[in-house]
Amino acid sequence: MFNKGSTAVLSTPDIPFIVAVKKSGIYSFEEGEWVLQYGLSQDIYKLVRLGRFIFGIGDYGTILRYEPYQKKWTHTTFSVS
């Protein structure tokens, strides 16, 4: 995983570290292990927390939204280059 490089990192009180890895997806650090949370072939360049949601913004209009209480990722793509 680390040989690909990370593109964004976020830490929240609920999740110590979330890392976007190039052309791989979103990982979290849980109990001493890196766990793939959401596989993705696009790069994510920004991770932000807005209210209870975590958003990832990336290549080709990719927007991810994570709802931590349901532990659910939603993937949307806008038609931009």
C-alpha atoms as a PDB file:
ATOM      1  CA  MET A   1       0.000   0.000   0.000  1.00  0.00           C
ATOM      2  CA  PHE A   2       2.622   2.578   1.002  1.00  0.00           C
ATOM      3  CA  ASN A   3       4.668   2.185  -2.176  1.00  0.00           C
ATOM      4  CA  LYS A   4       1.813   3.906  -4.077  1.00  0.00           C
ATOM      5  CA  GLY A   5       1.829   7.027  -1.874  1.00  0.00           C
ATOM      6  CA  SER A   6      -0.948   8.810  -0.076  1.00  0.00           C
ATOM      7  CA  THR A   7      -2.811  11.780  -1.522  1.00  0.00           C
ATOM      8  CA  ALA A   8      -4.852  12.931   1.505  1.00  0.00           C
ATOM      9  CA  VAL A   9      -4.976  12.301   5.261  1.00  0.00           C
ATOM     10  CA  LEU A  10      -7.660  13.076   7.847  1.00  0.00           C
ATOM     11  CA  SER A  11      -7.898  12.463  11.576  1.00  0.00           C
ATOM     12  CA  THR A  12     -11.167  12.686  13.525  1.00  0.00           C
ATOM     13  CA  PRO A  13     -12.126  11.915  17.132  1.00  0.00           C
ATOM     14  CA  ASP A  14     -14.016   8.824  15.907  1.00  0.00           C
ATOM     15  CA  ILE A  15     -11.423   7.526  13.435  1.00  0.00           C
ATOM     16  CA  PRO A  16      -7.761   8.240  14.299  1.00  0.00           C
ATOM     17  CA  PHE A  17      -6.466   8.190  10.690  1.00  0.00           C
ATOM     18  CA  ILE A  18      -8.068   7.978   7.266  1.00  0.00           C
ATOM     19  CA  VAL A  19      -5.657   7.897   4.325  1.00  0.00           C
ATOM     20  CA  ALA A  20      -6.397   8.115   0.597  1.00  0.00           C
ATOM     21  CA  VAL A  21      -3.880   6.010  -1.338  1.00  0.00           C
ATOM     22  CA  LYS A  22      -3.167   6.585  -5.042  1.00  0.00           C
ATOM     23  CA  LYS A  23      -5.304   4.401  -7.312  1.00  0.00           C
ATOM     24  CA  SER A  24      -6.128   2.121  -4.370  1.00  0.00           C
ATOM     25  CA  GLY A  25      -8.798   3.630  -2.129  1.00  0.00           C
ATOM     26  CA  ILE A  26      -9.471   4.863   1.382  1.00  0.00           C
ATOM     27  CA  TYR A  27      -7.786   3.159   4.339  1.00  0.00           C
ATOM     28  CA  SER A  28      -8.213   3.544   8.082  1.00  0.00           C
ATOM     29  CA  PHE A  29      -5.844   2.590  10.881  1.00  0.00           C
ATOM     30  CA  GLU A  30      -7.629   0.285  13.316  1.00  0.00           C
ATOM     31  CA  GLU A  31      -6.117  -1.794  16.114  1.00  0.00           C
ATOM     32  CA  GLY A  32      -2.610  -1.475  14.684  1.00  0.00           C
ATOM     33  CA  GLU A  33      -3.612  -2.507  11.134  1.00  0.00           C
ATOM     34  CA  TRP A  34      -4.386  -0.623   7.910  1.00  0.00           C
ATOM     35  CA  VAL A  35      -7.871  -1.600   6.720  1.00  0.00           C
ATOM     36  CA  LEU A  36      -9.277  -0.881   3.250  1.00  0.00           C
ATOM     37  CA  GLN A  37     -12.532   1.016   3.811  1.00  0.00           C
ATOM     38  CA  TYR A  38     -13.412   1.788   0.196  1.00  0.00           C
ATOM     39  CA  GLY A  39     -11.619   0.538  -2.924  1.00  0.00           C
ATOM     40  CA  LEU A  40     -11.251   3.116  -5.668  1.00  0.00           C
ATOM     41  CA  SER A  41      -9.231   3.475  -8.872  1.00  0.00           C
ATOM     42  CA  GLN A  42      -9.366   7.306  -8.882  1.00  0.00           C
ATOM     43  CA  ASP A  43      -7.147   9.484  -6.701  1.00  0.00           C
ATOM     44  CA  ILE A  44      -8.696  11.402  -3.803  1.00  0.00           C
ATOM     45  CA  TYR A  45      -6.924  14.712  -3.128  1.00  0.00           C
ATOM     46  CA  LYS A  46      -8.900  16.164  -0.249  1.00  0.00           C
ATOM     47  CA  LEU A  47     -10.576  14.618   2.803  1.00  0.00           C
ATOM     48  CA  VAL A  48     -12.723  16.890   4.987  1.00  0.00           C
ATOM     49  CA  ARG A  49     -15.188  16.466   7.811  1.00  0.00           C
ATOM     50  CA  LEU A  50     -18.400  18.467   7.560  1.00  0.00           C
ATOM     51  CA  GLY A  51     -20.780  17.838  10.424  1.00  0.00           C
ATOM     52  CA  ARG A  52     -21.081  14.102  10.904  1.00  0.00           C
ATOM     53  CA  PHE A  53     -19.985  13.285   7.330  1.00  0.00           C
ATOM     54  CA  ILE A  54     -16.521  12.806   5.826  1.00  0.00           C
ATOM     55  CA  PHE A  55     -16.103  13.857   2.196  1.00  0.00           C
ATOM     56  CA  GLY A  56     -13.398  12.904  -0.288  1.00  0.00           C
ATOM     57  CA  ILE A  57     -12.862  14.947  -3.454  1.00  0.00           C
ATOM     58  CA  GLY A  58     -10.826  13.565  -6.317  1.00  0.00           C
ATOM     59  CA  ASP A  59     -10.154  12.856  -9.989  1.00  0.00           C
ATOM     60  CA  TYR A  60     -12.803  13.171 -12.698  1.00  0.00           C
ATOM     61  CA  GLY A  61     -15.390  14.798 -10.445  1.00  0.00           C
ATOM     62  CA  THR A  62     -15.291  12.001  -7.866  1.00  0.00           C
ATOM     63  CA  ILE A  63     -17.020  12.785  -4.569  1.00  0.00           C
ATOM     64  CA  LEU A  64     -17.134  10.282  -1.702  1.00  0.00           C
ATOM     65  CA  ARG A  65     -19.296  10.685   1.378  1.00  0.00           C
ATOM     66  CA  TYR A  66     -18.857   8.582   4.511  1.00  0.00           C
ATOM     67  CA  GLU A  67     -21.565   8.314   7.156  1.00  0.00           C
ATOM     68  CA  PRO A  68     -19.733   7.084  10.280  1.00  0.00           C
ATOM     69  CA  TYR A  69     -22.814   5.982  12.237  1.00  0.00           C
ATOM     70  CA  GLN A  70     -23.965   3.635   9.464  1.00  0.00           C
ATOM     71  CA  LYS A  71     -20.368   3.003   8.322  1.00  0.00           C
ATOM     72  CA  LYS A  72     -21.476   3.541   4.734  1.00  0.00           C
ATOM     73  CA  TRP A  73     -19.629   5.126   1.776  1.00  0.00           C
ATOM     74  CA  THR A  74     -21.528   6.813  -1.059  1.00  0.00           C
ATOM     75  CA  HIS A  75     -19.725   7.428  -4.376  1.00  0.00           C
ATOM     76  CA  THR A  76     -20.842  10.121  -6.825  1.00  0.00           C
ATOM     77  CA  THR A  77     -19.157  11.284 -10.023  1.00  0.00           C
ATOM     78  CA  PHE A  78     -19.793  14.606 -11.729  1.00  0.00           C
ATOM     79  CA  SER A  79     -19.120  14.846 -15.479  1.00  0.00           C
ATOM     80  CA  VAL A  80     -15.913  16.915 -15.510  1.00  0.00           C
ATOM     81  CA  SER A  81     -12.464  16.194 -16.878  1.00  0.00           C
END
